[in-house]
């Protein structure tokens, strides 16, 4: 693991470059990773809250979808149905575009923020980016508000007293707030986009003291949100949504760094191979891999997503305690090379900070999603970029034996193997691969250990 000072030094170097861009973000910009998530109790899922991911690394059909699960069937099924519909639509558009021989890139990215969470209620914002069929990338927002006690999703109408004139009230406030903030905005478009129709206010998030409404550019000419204080509408807002206190789980916690074990001795004269696992952690499958590594006295590198790490801190800690390495795989798996420097930096830095918050240590290596890297992304941090030599495409072929056969037939001294620890078939394959590689005399090392061995060999 690298020390904190060097990464912070890089942060200072680019601070002035991104300062102006950050100022623009202060106007409640829709897409940002910065949030203080509910802090986990244990990896069984923070008081019921967890995360699901669907990822494809195909160059012809890249997608990364992450969404929360509350382990309440009535709520989870509706969120899952939405993301499945978006994925199906993307695949259909993608297939049509490729049939017409249109060039890519083709990418779908859906990321989430739990902007409010207690034992009684939760609000989720999904930000979607889609690029397919030669059309420039577009963004959109979808929100879900859940009454966890009643096990149902809330519509805007559910928040207000029956027969109250809530649409006219919030329409007037939203228009005035946006116009005051943006005096030169297109008045006609802004008035139409904030007119008192329920579909204009369908993207909302129920917060502790406010209700936040999200507006897309095509609707109002502005990609901004408006927070309406509950006290402004308290005469028509239902009682149960008036006094909503944040969960104590959201408080920040200070903790001691995870103690790291003494580094295992590696013989540079014997065969070495680095197993690496992307897109986790996922306790149910990641722990199977960790068990196998521990049993066979091997180590690996886990390139984790910040959006998942925040919900499964105990798995991150276990990785480190047992001598494995944790790497940075971005916050929510976008193609970093398509992002502005500011947004790409945020993807990397937010993940660094989350892992440090959990463990007291920061990663030394970055594995960019889809392997997408250029000089601009490299310049954003001092992290070493780590790609791979062997790819069984386990995300595509959910077949244990096929994965095992590919890895074993392509294994070699000094190679890096790419797998994914969020799939059951991959975990089962990894158990067998670890056993077979050890039997063939391989030392199972981390990426950092592999680099050291190569240095000792004079590579």
Protein backbone atom coordinates (compact mmCIF):
# COMPACT_ATOMS: atom_id res chain seq x y z
CA UNK A 1 0.00 0.00 0.00
CA UNK A 2 1.28 3.51 -0.72
CA UNK A 3 1.45 6.21 1.90
CA UNK A 4 -1.04 9.04 2.02
CA UNK A 5 1.35 12.00 1.60
CA UNK A 6 2.27 11.27 -2.01
CA UNK A 7 -1.34 11.05 -3.16
CA UNK A 8 -2.26 14.22 -1.31
CA UNK A 9 0.71 15.97 -2.94
CA UNK A 10 -0.79 15.12 -6.33
CA UNK A 11 -4.15 16.40 -5.15
CA UNK A 12 -2.58 19.77 -4.33
CA UNK A 13 -0.94 19.96 -7.76
CA UNK A 14 -4.23 19.70 -9.60
CA UNK A 15 -6.29 21.64 -7.08
CA UNK A 16 -6.07 24.95 -8.93
CA UNK A 17 -6.91 23.24 -12.21
CA UNK A 18 -10.20 21.87 -10.99
CA UNK A 19 -11.18 24.65 -8.56
CA UNK A 20 -13.35 26.48 -11.05
CA UNK A 21 -15.09 23.28 -12.06
CA UNK A 22 -15.78 22.40 -8.44
CA UNK A 23 -17.36 25.81 -7.93
CA UNK A 24 -19.84 24.98 -10.67
CA UNK A 25 -20.75 21.80 -8.82
CA UNK A 26 -21.90 23.74 -5.80
CA UNK A 27 -25.22 24.41 -7.53
CA UNK A 28 -26.60 21.00 -6.70
CA UNK A 29 -25.29 19.42 -9.89
CA UNK A 30 -26.99 16.10 -10.48
CA UNK A 31 -23.94 13.83 -10.91
CA UNK A 32 -21.50 13.62 -8.00
CA UNK A 33 -20.10 10.82 -5.87
CA UNK A 34 -19.73 13.00 -2.80
CA UNK A 35 -22.02 11.70 -0.13
CA UNK A 36 -21.80 10.54 3.44
CA UNK A 37 -23.35 7.09 3.16
CA UNK A 38 -24.97 5.27 6.05
CA UNK A 39 -22.03 3.74 7.88
CA UNK A 40 -22.07 -0.05 7.98
CA UNK A 41 -22.37 -2.12 11.10
CA UNK A 42 -21.15 -5.34 9.53
CA UNK A 43 -20.98 -6.93 6.13
CA UNK A 44 -24.30 -8.66 6.50
CA UNK A 45 -25.62 -5.39 5.05
CA UNK A 46 -26.01 -2.15 6.88
CA UNK A 47 -29.22 -2.56 8.78
CA UNK A 48 -30.75 -4.15 5.70
CA UNK A 49 -29.00 -2.02 3.07
CA UNK A 50 -26.77 -3.62 0.41
CA UNK A 51 -25.80 -3.19 -3.22
CA UNK A 52 -26.14 -5.17 -6.45
CA UNK A 53 -23.98 -4.77 -9.56
CA UNK A 54 -24.20 -5.86 -13.20
CA UNK A 55 -21.06 -5.35 -15.29
CA UNK A 56 -20.00 -6.18 -18.84
CA UNK A 57 -16.42 -5.52 -19.98
CA UNK A 58 -17.16 -6.14 -23.65
CA UNK A 59 -15.82 -3.41 -25.94
CA UNK A 60 -18.97 -3.73 -28.04
CA UNK A 61 -21.34 -3.54 -25.06
CA UNK A 62 -19.87 -1.91 -21.98
CA UNK A 63 -22.14 -1.45 -19.01
CA UNK A 64 -21.83 -1.01 -15.28
CA UNK A 65 -25.00 -0.84 -13.21
CA UNK A 66 -25.07 -0.45 -9.44
CA UNK A 67 -28.18 -0.11 -7.34
CA UNK A 68 -29.09 -0.48 -3.66
CA UNK A 69 -31.11 -3.30 -2.16
CA UNK A 70 -33.13 -2.94 1.04
CA UNK A 71 -33.98 -6.63 1.39
CA UNK A 72 -37.64 -5.67 1.19
CA UNK A 73 -39.13 -7.55 -1.75
CA UNK A 74 -41.86 -5.01 -2.54
CA UNK A 75 -39.26 -2.25 -2.92
CA UNK A 76 -36.29 -4.15 -4.33
CA UNK A 77 -38.26 -5.71 -7.18
CA UNK A 78 -39.36 -2.32 -8.50
CA UNK A 79 -35.83 -0.91 -8.49
CA UNK A 80 -34.50 -4.08 -10.11
CA UNK A 81 -37.23 -3.99 -12.77
CA UNK A 82 -36.27 -0.42 -13.65
CA UNK A 83 -32.56 -1.14 -14.13
CA UNK A 84 -33.34 -4.33 -16.07
CA UNK A 85 -35.60 -2.36 -18.41
CA UNK A 86 -32.88 0.24 -18.95
CA UNK A 87 -30.34 -2.49 -19.67
CA UNK A 88 -32.67 -4.26 -22.10
CA UNK A 89 -33.33 -0.98 -23.93
CA UNK A 90 -29.58 -0.28 -24.13
CA UNK A 91 -28.89 -3.75 -25.52
CA UNK A 92 -31.63 -3.37 -28.12
CA UNK A 93 -30.35 0.05 -29.27
CA UNK A 94 -26.81 -1.28 -29.24
CA UNK A 95 -27.72 -4.28 -31.41
CA UNK A 96 -29.49 -2.04 -33.93
CA UNK A 97 -26.53 0.32 -34.12
CA UNK A 98 -24.04 -2.46 -34.65
CA UNK A 99 -26.27 -4.08 -37.28
CA UNK A 100 -25.98 -0.78 -39.17
CA UNK A 101 -22.18 -0.92 -38.73
CA UNK A 102 -22.10 2.19 -36.56
CA UNK A 103 -18.94 2.78 -34.60
CA UNK A 104 -18.95 2.88 -30.81
CA UNK A 105 -18.26 3.52 -28.09
CA UNK A 106 -21.31 1.88 -26.58
CA UNK A 107 -21.65 2.35 -22.84
CA UNK A 108 -24.33 2.34 -20.15
CA UNK A 109 -23.46 3.47 -16.63
CA UNK A 110 -26.02 3.65 -13.83
CA UNK A 111 -24.75 4.77 -10.45
CA UNK A 112 -26.66 5.41 -7.27
CA UNK A 113 -26.61 7.62 -4.21
CA UNK A 114 -28.54 6.87 -1.05
CA UNK A 115 -29.16 10.51 -0.20
CA UNK A 116 -31.29 9.76 2.87
CA UNK A 117 -31.60 6.67 5.02
CA UNK A 118 -33.20 5.73 8.34
CA UNK A 119 -34.93 2.60 9.61
CA UNK A 120 -38.23 4.15 8.45
CA UNK A 121 -37.47 5.73 5.07
CA UNK A 122 -34.90 6.00 2.31
CA UNK A 123 -34.30 8.08 -0.81
CA UNK A 124 -32.20 6.90 -3.72
CA UNK A 125 -31.00 8.87 -6.75
CA UNK A 126 -29.88 6.93 -9.85
CA UNK A 127 -27.74 8.84 -12.35
CA UNK A 128 -27.60 7.28 -15.80
CA UNK A 129 -25.17 7.86 -18.66
CA UNK A 130 -25.80 6.18 -22.00
CA UNK A 131 -23.88 6.26 -25.27
CA UNK A 132 -25.01 4.05 -28.14
CA UNK A 133 -25.60 4.13 -31.86
CA UNK A 134 -23.21 6.98 -32.58
CA UNK A 135 -25.31 9.40 -30.52
CA UNK A 136 -23.48 11.67 -28.10
CA UNK A 137 -23.68 10.52 -24.50
CA UNK A 138 -26.79 11.56 -22.61
CA UNK A 139 -27.54 11.69 -18.90
CA UNK A 140 -30.77 11.22 -16.97
CA UNK A 141 -31.97 10.93 -13.39
CA UNK A 142 -34.35 8.52 -11.71
CA UNK A 143 -35.34 8.63 -8.05
CA UNK A 144 -36.92 6.15 -5.65
CA UNK A 145 -38.36 7.09 -2.29
CA UNK A 146 -39.27 4.26 0.05
CA UNK A 147 -41.40 4.02 3.14
CA UNK A 148 -39.56 1.11 4.73
CA UNK A 149 -42.16 0.62 7.45
CA UNK A 150 -45.03 0.25 5.00
CA UNK A 151 -42.78 -1.58 2.49
CA UNK A 152 -43.75 0.59 -0.45
CA UNK A 153 -42.37 3.19 -2.83
CA UNK A 154 -43.73 6.71 -2.52
CA UNK A 155 -45.15 8.92 -5.22
CA UNK A 156 -45.09 12.69 -4.84
CA UNK A 157 -48.81 12.62 -4.10
CA UNK A 158 -48.17 10.28 -1.15
CA UNK A 159 -46.28 13.05 0.66
CA UNK A 160 -49.08 15.57 0.74
CA UNK A 161 -52.50 15.84 2.29
CA UNK A 162 -55.43 14.83 0.13
CA UNK A 163 -56.98 17.65 -1.95
CA UNK A 164 -54.07 20.00 -1.17
CA UNK A 165 -52.85 22.25 -3.95
CA UNK A 166 -49.30 20.89 -3.64
CA UNK A 167 -48.40 21.02 -7.33
CA UNK A 168 -49.08 24.73 -7.68
CA UNK A 169 -47.16 25.42 -4.47
CA UNK A 170 -44.00 23.53 -5.43
CA UNK A 171 -44.24 24.74 -9.05
CA UNK A 172 -44.14 28.35 -7.93
CA UNK A 173 -41.22 27.77 -5.53
CA UNK A 174 -39.19 25.74 -8.03
CA UNK A 175 -39.58 28.30 -10.80
CA UNK A 176 -38.59 31.20 -8.57
CA UNK A 177 -35.58 29.36 -7.11
CA UNK A 178 -34.22 28.40 -10.52
CA UNK A 179 -34.88 31.84 -12.04
CA UNK A 180 -33.18 33.63 -9.15
CA UNK A 181 -30.18 31.35 -9.51
CA UNK A 182 -30.08 31.62 -13.32
CA UNK A 183 -31.37 35.09 -14.36
CA UNK A 184 -30.44 34.54 -18.02
CA UNK A 185 -32.25 31.21 -18.30
CA UNK A 186 -34.87 30.73 -21.04
CA UNK A 187 -37.96 31.99 -19.22
CA UNK A 188 -40.49 30.23 -21.44
CA UNK A 189 -38.74 26.87 -21.20
CA UNK A 190 -38.25 27.26 -17.46
CA UNK A 191 -41.92 28.11 -16.92
CA UNK A 192 -43.04 25.16 -19.03
CA UNK A 193 -40.62 22.75 -17.30
CA UNK A 194 -41.79 23.78 -13.84
CA UNK A 195 -45.49 24.09 -14.63
CA UNK A 196 -47.78 22.30 -12.11
CA UNK A 197 -47.83 18.85 -13.70
CA UNK A 198 -46.88 15.81 -11.65
CA UNK A 199 -44.52 14.42 -14.30
CA UNK A 200 -42.42 17.60 -14.01
CA UNK A 201 -41.78 16.81 -10.35
CA UNK A 202 -41.53 13.02 -10.50
CA UNK A 203 -37.77 13.08 -9.78
CA UNK A 204 -37.61 13.97 -6.11
CA UNK A 205 -35.79 12.90 -2.96
CA UNK A 206 -37.27 13.08 0.50
CA UNK A 207 -34.61 14.45 2.87
CA UNK A 208 -34.47 15.30 6.55
CA UNK A 209 -35.56 18.94 6.30
CA UNK A 210 -36.26 19.32 2.59
CA UNK A 211 -37.66 17.70 -0.51
CA UNK A 212 -35.18 17.93 -3.39
CA UNK A 213 -36.44 18.05 -6.98
CA UNK A 214 -34.18 17.17 -9.94
CA UNK A 215 -34.57 18.82 -13.34
CA UNK A 216 -32.92 17.64 -16.54
CA UNK A 217 -31.64 20.01 -19.19
CA UNK A 218 -34.21 18.98 -21.77
CA UNK A 219 -36.96 19.91 -19.31
CA UNK A 220 -35.92 23.33 -18.03
CA UNK A 221 -32.74 24.16 -19.94
CA UNK A 222 -30.86 23.62 -16.67
CA UNK A 223 -29.34 20.47 -15.19
CA UNK A 224 -29.90 21.48 -11.59
CA UNK A 225 -31.95 20.59 -8.55
CA UNK A 226 -34.03 22.62 -6.13
CA UNK A 227 -34.42 21.93 -2.43
CA UNK A 228 -37.78 23.00 -1.03
CA UNK A 229 -37.72 23.34 2.73
CA UNK A 230 -40.40 21.34 4.50
CA UNK A 231 -41.34 24.36 6.58
CA UNK A 232 -42.45 26.11 3.40
CA UNK A 233 -45.06 23.39 2.78
CA UNK A 234 -45.66 22.14 6.34
CA UNK A 235 -49.37 23.00 6.18
CA UNK A 236 -49.91 20.45 3.40
CA UNK A 237 -47.11 17.91 4.05
CA UNK A 238 -48.25 14.75 5.84
CA UNK A 239 -47.16 14.46 9.47
CA UNK A 240 -45.04 11.32 9.05
CA UNK A 241 -42.80 13.11 6.54
CA UNK A 242 -42.38 16.31 8.56
CA UNK A 243 -39.99 15.19 11.29
CA UNK A 244 -37.43 12.84 9.77
CA UNK A 245 -34.16 12.50 11.63
CA UNK A 246 -31.11 10.98 10.02
CA UNK A 247 -29.94 7.64 11.28
CA UNK A 248 -27.07 7.69 13.73
CA UNK A 249 -25.42 5.23 11.35
CA UNK A 250 -24.58 8.23 9.18
CA UNK A 251 -22.16 9.74 11.67
CA UNK A 252 -18.48 9.61 10.74
CA UNK A 253 -16.32 7.20 12.71
CA UNK A 254 -12.65 7.39 13.50
CA UNK A 255 -10.86 4.07 13.81
CA UNK A 256 -7.41 2.58 14.04
CA UNK A 257 -5.74 1.44 10.79
CA UNK A 258 -6.11 -2.24 9.98
CA UNK A 259 -2.95 -4.03 11.20
CA UNK A 260 -1.06 -5.48 8.24
CA UNK A 261 0.68 -8.85 8.60
CA UNK A 262 4.37 -9.36 8.00
CA UNK A 263 4.96 -9.68 4.25
CA UNK A 264 5.25 -13.26 3.06
CA UNK A 265 8.67 -14.23 1.75
CA UNK A 266 8.68 -14.74 -2.00
CA UNK A 267 11.43 -16.70 -3.72
CA UNK A 268 12.25 -14.84 -6.95
CA UNK A 269 13.80 -17.99 -8.39
CA UNK A 270 10.49 -19.84 -8.29
CA UNK A 271 7.34 -19.33 -10.38
CA UNK A 272 5.02 -16.47 -9.39
CA UNK A 273 1.56 -15.49 -10.61
CA UNK A 274 -0.76 -12.67 -9.53
CA UNK A 275 -4.48 -13.40 -9.29
CA UNK A 276 -6.55 -10.22 -9.37
CA UNK A 277 -10.26 -9.73 -8.81
CA UNK A 278 -12.33 -6.75 -9.99
CA UNK A 279 -15.69 -5.12 -9.21
CA UNK A 280 -16.14 -6.27 -5.60
CA UNK A 281 -16.33 -6.66 -2.79
CA UNK A 282 -19.27 -9.02 -2.49
CA UNK A 283 -19.11 -10.84 0.87
CA UNK A 284 -20.88 -14.02 -0.27
CA UNK A 285 -18.38 -14.67 -3.07
CA UNK A 286 -15.30 -12.67 -2.06
CA UNK A 287 -15.03 -14.52 1.23
CA UNK A 288 -14.98 -17.87 -0.60
CA UNK A 289 -11.92 -16.67 -2.49
CA UNK A 290 -10.31 -15.35 0.69
CA UNK A 291 -10.91 -18.71 2.37
CA UNK A 292 -9.20 -20.54 -0.48
CA UNK A 293 -6.23 -18.16 -0.47
CA UNK A 294 -5.84 -18.59 3.27
CA UNK A 295 -6.08 -22.38 3.02
CA UNK A 296 -3.40 -22.58 0.34
CA UNK A 297 -1.18 -19.82 1.77
CA UNK A 298 -1.64 -17.55 -1.23
CA UNK A 299 -2.41 -13.89 -1.74
CA UNK A 300 -4.20 -11.83 -4.38
CA UNK A 301 -5.09 -8.26 -5.29
CA UNK A 302 -8.69 -7.06 -5.15
CA UNK A 303 -9.49 -4.03 -7.30
CA UNK A 304 -12.59 -2.71 -5.57
CA UNK A 305 -15.27 -0.19 -6.44
CA UNK A 306 -15.75 2.60 -3.93
CA UNK A 307 -19.53 2.37 -4.30
CA UNK A 308 -19.40 -1.24 -3.11
CA UNK A 309 -16.57 -0.93 -0.60
CA UNK A 310 -18.58 1.56 1.45
CA UNK A 311 -21.19 -1.12 2.19
CA UNK A 312 -18.83 -4.02 2.90
CA UNK A 313 -15.99 -2.66 5.05
CA UNK A 314 -15.37 -5.88 6.97
CA UNK A 315 -14.50 -7.68 3.74
CA UNK A 316 -12.02 -4.92 2.85
CA UNK A 317 -10.45 -5.23 6.30
CA UNK A 318 -10.20 -8.99 6.00
CA UNK A 319 -8.41 -8.70 2.66
CA UNK A 320 -5.71 -6.56 4.24
CA UNK A 321 -5.44 -8.44 7.53
CA UNK A 322 -4.67 -11.65 5.63
CA UNK A 323 -1.91 -10.09 3.53
CA UNK A 324 -3.83 -9.40 0.33
CA UNK A 325 -3.71 -6.13 -1.56
CA UNK A 326 -6.58 -3.72 -2.19
CA UNK A 327 -6.48 -1.76 -5.44
CA UNK A 328 -8.58 1.09 -6.83
CA UNK A 329 -11.10 0.27 -9.60
CA UNK A 330 -12.88 3.68 -9.53
CA UNK A 331 -16.06 4.60 -7.69
CA UNK A 332 -18.71 3.11 -9.98
CA UNK A 333 -16.97 1.74 -13.10
CA UNK A 334 -17.26 4.40 -15.83
CA UNK A 335 -14.91 4.56 -18.78
CA UNK A 336 -12.49 7.10 -17.27
CA UNK A 337 -11.15 8.27 -20.62
CA UNK A 338 -14.53 9.73 -21.61
CA UNK A 339 -14.79 11.81 -18.44
CA UNK A 340 -13.47 15.29 -17.80
CA UNK A 341 -10.30 15.41 -15.68
CA UNK A 342 -12.40 16.68 -12.79
CA UNK A 343 -14.84 13.78 -12.88
CA UNK A 344 -12.19 11.14 -13.52
CA UNK A 345 -10.17 12.48 -10.59
CA UNK A 346 -13.27 12.31 -8.41
CA UNK A 347 -13.84 8.66 -9.37
CA UNK A 348 -10.29 7.80 -8.30
CA UNK A 349 -9.99 10.05 -5.28
CA UNK A 350 -13.37 9.20 -3.73
CA UNK A 351 -12.40 5.53 -3.85
CA UNK A 352 -8.97 6.23 -2.31
CA UNK A 353 -10.61 8.14 0.52
CA UNK A 354 -13.29 5.50 1.11
CA UNK A 355 -10.73 2.70 1.37
CA UNK A 356 -8.60 4.81 3.70
CA UNK A 357 -11.63 5.61 5.83
CA UNK A 358 -12.43 1.91 6.14
CA UNK A 359 -8.92 0.58 6.64
CA UNK A 360 -6.48 3.39 7.36
CA UNK A 361 -4.57 2.50 4.18
CA UNK A 362 -4.68 3.71 0.57
CA UNK A 363 -4.19 1.62 -2.57
CA UNK A 364 -0.97 1.82 -4.58
CA UNK A 365 -2.52 0.57 -7.84
CA UNK A 366 -5.31 1.66 -10.15
CA UNK A 367 -7.03 -0.67 -12.57
CA UNK A 368 -9.11 1.55 -14.87
CA UNK A 369 -12.53 0.11 -15.78
CA UNK A 370 -12.49 -1.67 -19.16
CA UNK A 371 -8.71 -1.15 -19.16
CA UNK A 372 -9.37 2.35 -20.53
CA UNK A 373 -6.33 4.52 -19.87
CA UNK A 374 -4.57 7.51 -21.44
CA UNK A 375 -1.98 10.07 -20.40
CA UNK A 376 -4.64 12.42 -19.07
CA UNK A 377 -6.01 9.81 -16.64
CA UNK A 378 -2.50 8.71 -15.66
CA UNK A 379 -1.65 12.30 -14.70
CA UNK A 380 -4.46 12.51 -12.15
CA UNK A 381 -2.71 10.44 -9.47
CA UNK A 382 0.53 8.77 -8.53
CA UNK A 383 -1.12 5.34 -8.60
CA UNK A 384 0.53 2.67 -10.72
CA UNK A 385 -1.75 1.43 -13.49
CA UNK A 386 -2.21 -2.34 -13.42
CA UNK A 387 -3.71 -4.20 -16.38
CA UNK A 388 -3.57 -7.97 -17.04
CA UNK A 389 -2.19 -10.80 -19.16
CA UNK A 390 -4.83 -13.54 -18.81
CA UNK A 391 -8.57 -12.84 -19.16
CA UNK A 392 -11.00 -15.79 -19.01
CA UNK A 393 -13.94 -13.37 -19.51
CA UNK A 394 -15.60 -14.83 -16.44
CA UNK A 395 -18.12 -11.97 -16.47
CA UNK A 396 -19.35 -13.33 -19.81
CA UNK A 397 -18.96 -17.08 -19.43
CA UNK A 398 -20.61 -18.03 -16.14
CA UNK A 399 -19.18 -21.52 -16.36
CA UNK A 400 -16.79 -22.71 -13.67
CA UNK A 401 -14.94 -25.29 -15.77
CA UNK A 402 -14.54 -22.99 -18.77
CA UNK A 403 -12.98 -20.35 -16.50
CA UNK A 404 -10.68 -22.89 -14.83
CA UNK A 405 -9.56 -24.34 -18.16
CA UNK A 406 -8.79 -20.93 -19.66
CA UNK A 407 -6.74 -19.72 -16.69
CA UNK A 408 -4.79 -22.96 -16.30
CA UNK A 409 -4.00 -23.19 -20.01
CA UNK A 410 -2.77 -19.58 -20.12
CA UNK A 411 -1.05 -19.39 -16.73
CA UNK A 412 2.64 -18.54 -16.74
CA UNK A 413 5.44 -17.24 -14.58
CA UNK A 414 5.08 -13.51 -13.95
CA UNK A 415 1.58 -13.21 -15.39
CA UNK A 416 -1.40 -11.28 -14.02
CA UNK A 417 -4.80 -13.00 -14.18
CA UNK A 418 -8.02 -10.98 -14.35
CA UNK A 419 -11.19 -12.32 -12.73
CA UNK A 420 -14.24 -10.86 -10.96
CA UNK A 421 -15.19 -11.68 -7.38
CA UNK A 422 -18.87 -10.70 -7.63
CA UNK A 423 -19.97 -13.86 -9.45
CA UNK A 424 -20.60 -17.24 -7.81
CA UNK A 425 -19.13 -19.13 -10.78
CA UNK A 426 -15.97 -17.03 -10.60
CA UNK A 427 -15.55 -17.72 -6.90
CA UNK A 428 -16.02 -21.44 -7.45
CA UNK A 429 -13.53 -21.38 -10.30
CA UNK A 430 -11.05 -19.38 -8.20
CA UNK A 431 -11.15 -22.02 -5.47
CA UNK A 432 -10.06 -24.68 -7.97
CA UNK A 433 -7.58 -22.41 -9.76
CA UNK A 434 -5.84 -21.52 -6.47
CA UNK A 435 -5.51 -25.19 -5.58
CA UNK A 436 -4.22 -26.18 -9.05
CA UNK A 437 -1.71 -23.33 -9.31
CA UNK A 438 -0.24 -24.19 -5.92
CA UNK A 439 0.03 -27.83 -6.95
CA UNK A 440 2.00 -26.71 -10.01
CA UNK A 441 4.48 -24.87 -7.81
CA UNK A 442 3.27 -21.31 -8.30
CA UNK A 443 3.62 -18.71 -5.57
CA UNK A 444 0.36 -16.72 -5.49
CA UNK A 445 1.40 -13.10 -5.03
CA UNK A 446 -0.09 -9.62 -5.00
CA UNK A 447 0.59 -7.14 -7.80
CA UNK A 448 3.03 -5.26 -5.57
CA UNK A 449 4.86 -8.49 -4.73
CA UNK A 450 5.02 -9.38 -8.42
CA UNK A 451 6.58 -5.99 -9.18
CA UNK A 452 9.19 -6.60 -6.50
CA UNK A 453 10.01 -10.04 -7.87
CA UNK A 454 10.46 -8.61 -11.39
CA UNK A 455 12.75 -5.94 -9.96
CA UNK A 456 14.84 -8.61 -8.20
CA UNK A 457 15.06 -10.52 -11.48
CA UNK A 458 16.27 -7.41 -13.24
CA UNK A 459 13.22 -6.92 -15.47
